[in-house]
Protein backbone atom coordinates (compact mmCIF):
# COMPACT_ATOMS: atom_id res chain seq x y z
CA MET A 1 95.22 -26.17 -200.98
CA LYS A 2 98.39 -25.30 -198.75
CA ASN A 3 99.37 -22.68 -201.29
CA VAL A 4 95.91 -21.05 -200.71
CA LYS A 5 96.14 -21.10 -197.13
CA ARG A 6 99.60 -19.53 -197.25
CA THR A 7 98.37 -16.62 -199.43
CA LEU A 8 95.27 -15.94 -197.13
CA MET A 9 97.76 -15.94 -194.05
CA LEU A 10 99.93 -13.55 -195.88
CA LEU A 11 97.07 -11.24 -196.97
CA ALA A 12 95.86 -11.51 -193.48
CA ILE A 13 99.36 -10.39 -192.10
CA ALA A 14 99.80 -7.71 -194.77
CA ALA A 15 96.37 -6.17 -194.03
CA VAL A 16 96.89 -5.98 -190.33
CA ALA A 17 100.37 -4.58 -190.65
CA PHE A 18 99.38 -2.17 -193.15
CA SER A 19 96.36 -0.96 -190.84
CA GLY A 20 98.56 -0.86 -187.57
CA ALA A 21 101.73 0.90 -189.45
CA SER A 22 99.71 3.48 -190.95
CA SER A 23 97.33 4.53 -188.08
CA GLN A 24 99.31 7.35 -187.21
CA ALA A 25 98.71 8.96 -190.85
CA ALA A 26 95.16 8.24 -190.03
CA PHE A 27 95.30 5.56 -192.68
CA ILE A 28 92.84 3.15 -191.14
CA ASN A 29 91.31 0.10 -192.23
CA GLY A 30 91.86 0.86 -195.92
CA GLN A 31 90.76 4.58 -195.82
CA ASN A 32 92.86 7.70 -195.79
CA TRP A 33 91.38 9.83 -193.06
CA ALA A 34 91.90 13.77 -192.53
CA ASP A 35 94.99 14.37 -190.65
CA SER A 36 94.69 18.09 -189.67
CA VAL A 37 92.24 21.10 -189.83
CA VAL A 38 94.21 23.87 -191.70
CA SER A 39 92.04 26.61 -191.28
CA TYR A 40 88.57 27.68 -190.66
CA THR A 41 86.29 30.77 -190.12
CA SER A 42 85.11 32.32 -186.88
CA GLN A 43 81.85 30.80 -186.50
CA ILE A 44 82.59 27.36 -187.07
CA GLN A 45 81.17 25.22 -184.21
CA ASN A 46 79.56 21.76 -183.23
CA TYR A 47 76.02 21.43 -183.02
CA GLY A 48 75.77 22.74 -179.46
CA GLY A 49 77.41 25.94 -180.30
CA THR A 50 80.77 25.63 -178.92
CA LEU A 51 83.26 27.25 -181.20
CA MET A 52 86.08 25.09 -182.83
CA ASP A 53 89.43 25.83 -181.51
CA SER A 54 92.92 24.08 -181.39
CA THR A 55 91.59 21.70 -178.65
CA THR A 56 88.53 20.55 -180.53
CA GLU A 57 89.67 20.19 -184.06
CA PHE A 58 89.58 16.47 -183.47
CA TRP A 59 85.86 17.00 -184.00
CA VAL A 60 86.62 16.21 -187.92
CA LEU A 61 89.67 14.31 -187.76
CA GLY A 62 90.46 10.65 -188.15
CA GLN A 63 87.60 8.03 -188.39
CA SER A 64 83.72 8.99 -187.84
CA ASP A 65 83.03 9.38 -184.05
CA VAL A 66 79.69 10.84 -183.82
CA ASP A 67 77.43 7.65 -184.38
CA LEU A 68 78.33 5.12 -181.68
CA ASN A 69 75.70 2.55 -182.55
CA GLY A 70 76.14 2.67 -186.17
CA ASN A 71 72.24 3.59 -187.20
CA MET A 72 73.43 6.79 -189.26
CA TYR A 73 71.63 9.16 -186.71
CA ALA A 74 73.96 11.46 -184.69
CA TRP A 75 71.59 12.70 -181.95
CA ASP A 76 70.73 9.54 -179.85
CA THR A 77 71.12 9.49 -176.09
CA GLY A 78 74.65 9.64 -175.08
CA GLU A 79 76.23 10.25 -178.37
CA PRO A 80 79.18 12.89 -178.82
CA ASP A 81 78.60 16.40 -180.47
CA TYR A 82 81.93 15.64 -182.27
CA VAL A 83 80.86 17.51 -185.28
CA ALA A 84 82.03 21.09 -186.81
CA GLY A 85 79.94 23.16 -189.10
CA TRP A 86 77.65 26.08 -189.05
CA ARG A 87 74.17 27.04 -187.77
CA SER A 88 71.61 29.14 -189.75
CA VAL A 89 73.32 32.57 -189.35
CA ALA A 90 76.90 33.53 -190.20
CA ALA A 91 77.27 33.55 -193.95
CA ASN A 92 80.49 32.45 -195.84
CA GLN A 93 81.55 30.11 -193.35
CA GLU A 94 84.30 27.24 -194.49
CA ILE A 95 86.73 24.63 -193.25
CA ILE A 96 89.72 23.35 -194.80
CA VAL A 97 91.20 20.07 -193.53
CA GLY A 98 94.75 18.27 -194.85
CA PHE A 99 95.89 14.89 -195.60
CA ASN A 100 99.10 13.62 -194.96
CA THR A 101 98.79 11.07 -197.70
CA ALA A 102 97.22 12.59 -200.88
CA LEU A 103 93.71 11.68 -202.24
CA GLU A 104 94.15 10.29 -205.67
CA ASP A 105 91.81 9.70 -208.64
CA ILE A 106 91.13 6.15 -208.60
CA ALA A 107 88.28 4.17 -210.25
CA GLY A 108 84.86 5.31 -208.83
CA ASP A 109 84.40 7.84 -205.85
CA ASP A 110 87.62 9.23 -204.55
CA LEU A 111 86.43 11.50 -201.39
CA VAL A 112 83.67 10.78 -198.79
CA ILE A 113 82.41 13.39 -196.45
CA ARG A 114 80.07 12.12 -193.48
CA LEU A 115 77.69 15.23 -192.41
CA TYR A 116 74.14 15.99 -191.67
CA GLY A 117 72.40 19.28 -192.29
CA GLY A 118 69.12 21.20 -192.76
CA PRO A 119 66.75 20.93 -195.69
CA ASN A 120 67.97 24.33 -197.03
CA ALA A 121 71.59 23.80 -196.77
CA GLN A 122 74.13 23.89 -199.45
CA ALA A 123 77.84 23.98 -199.61
CA SER A 124 80.61 23.53 -202.29
CA VAL A 125 83.50 21.29 -201.97
CA SER A 126 86.92 21.73 -203.33
CA VAL A 127 90.25 20.22 -203.44
CA SER A 128 93.69 21.44 -203.90
CA GLU A 129 97.43 20.24 -203.99
CA ASP A 130 98.78 23.45 -202.59
CA ASN A 131 96.03 25.12 -200.46
CA SER A 132 96.22 27.78 -203.14
CA SER A 133 94.79 26.78 -206.38
CA TRP A 134 91.36 25.02 -205.85
CA THR A 135 89.32 22.93 -207.87
CA SER A 136 85.35 22.67 -207.33
CA ILE A 137 84.37 19.04 -207.40
CA GLY A 138 80.62 19.34 -206.57
CA THR A 139 78.05 20.63 -204.04
CA ILE A 140 76.09 19.12 -201.07
CA THR A 141 72.40 20.17 -200.90
CA GLY A 142 69.98 19.35 -198.41
CA GLU A 143 66.17 18.59 -199.30
CA SER A 144 63.25 18.71 -197.24
CA GLY A 145 62.36 15.24 -196.01
CA GLN A 146 65.56 13.65 -197.49
CA ILE A 147 68.88 12.93 -196.29
CA PRO A 148 70.73 15.10 -196.48
CA GLY A 149 68.01 17.50 -195.24
CA THR A 150 66.73 15.86 -191.96
CA PRO A 151 68.68 17.13 -189.10
CA GLY A 152 70.78 14.64 -187.00
CA TYR A 153 70.30 12.02 -189.92
CA LEU A 154 73.94 11.48 -191.27
CA TYR A 155 74.86 11.10 -194.80
CA ASP A 156 77.94 10.18 -196.57
CA ALA A 157 78.51 12.70 -199.57
CA ALA A 158 80.61 11.05 -202.22
CA PHE A 159 82.88 12.74 -204.90
CA ASP A 160 84.72 11.63 -207.86
CA PHE A 161 87.52 13.58 -209.05
CA SER A 162 87.27 12.02 -212.67
CA GLY A 163 87.25 14.70 -215.24
CA LEU A 164 87.75 17.53 -212.42
CA PHE A 165 90.71 16.95 -210.89
CA SER A 166 94.06 14.94 -211.60
CA GLY A 167 96.50 16.01 -209.08
CA ASP A 168 97.17 14.98 -205.62
CA ALA A 169 94.55 16.41 -203.28
CA TYR A 170 96.28 17.25 -199.91
CA TYR A 171 93.53 19.60 -199.07
CA VAL A 172 89.67 19.82 -198.99
CA LYS A 173 87.61 22.72 -198.40
CA VAL A 174 83.99 22.86 -197.80
CA HIS A 175 82.29 26.46 -198.08
CA ARG A 176 79.04 27.59 -197.13
CA ASP A 177 76.92 28.69 -200.05
CA VAL A 178 73.64 30.05 -198.43
CA ALA A 179 72.67 31.21 -195.01
CA GLY A 180 69.34 31.59 -193.37
CA PRO A 181 66.52 29.43 -191.55
CA GLN A 182 67.43 25.38 -191.88
CA THR A 183 70.70 26.03 -193.81
CA GLY A 184 72.91 24.44 -190.96
CA MET A 185 75.30 21.61 -191.66
CA PHE A 186 77.87 19.81 -189.74
CA PHE A 187 80.76 17.58 -190.82
CA ASP A 188 82.00 14.46 -188.87
CA SER A 189 84.49 13.13 -190.98
CA PHE A 190 86.58 13.50 -194.28
CA ALA A 191 88.17 10.35 -195.96
CA SER A 192 89.23 8.36 -199.11
CA VAL A 193 86.99 5.82 -200.29
CA PRO A 194 88.76 2.64 -199.87
CA GLU A 195 89.76 0.63 -203.11
CA PRO A 196 88.13 -2.52 -203.67
CA ALA A 197 91.12 -4.45 -203.65
CA THR A 198 92.25 -3.23 -200.18
CA MET A 199 88.35 -4.17 -198.74
CA LEU A 200 88.92 -7.67 -200.34
CA ILE A 201 92.40 -7.79 -198.27
CA LEU A 202 90.85 -6.72 -195.33
CA GLY A 203 88.04 -9.01 -195.53
CA LEU A 204 90.41 -12.04 -196.43
CA GLY A 205 92.22 -11.28 -193.40
CA ALA A 206 89.45 -10.94 -191.00
CA ALA A 207 88.03 -14.27 -192.20
CA PHE A 208 91.68 -15.96 -191.60
CA VAL A 209 91.88 -14.37 -188.23
CA ARG A 210 88.27 -15.78 -187.27
CA ARG A 211 89.14 -19.34 -188.35
CA ARG A 212 92.26 -19.33 -186.51
CA LYS A 213 90.56 -18.60 -183.41
């Protein structure tokens, strides 16, 4: 029993150390979050219409921060407009984010993008190792009465690299496919999908800390 407790304690310490030491690289709680905005087109903006610039790139970096109460709805009173994307006009918009630590092809999904959009919205998602050669990994499509497709309601679009991309993905690009009424789409965050082993370690660590208290 002592050995089990010792193992749990070491796992807890490792989890806390891993989370804290990696936070500067936006690797937090087992997820690798986007570190930089590499480029974006001229009409990338938040929902309120403020155009993105160097002072507002944080809108899509690091952990998701638009849904303060955790109900997956972005427009509750007092919640910040920390998203970036496009309204109904302005075709061919796109945004590219970068990761200091590459996204890799693991078992299951590898990338998750939190967003909301209109029922006619559609965007293509690609990844790259060098910001030059791109591989398509899927699309995000809105649907009337569904999520995504109901404005303000957040959706986690997940993508599996398996069979599509086997390199190290340092860059993620989202490109607008359609323009017109109700085609707006806004992004809150870009991240890896945490591996089950990492989540187990973090869960055991949290349980151990609670018991120690």
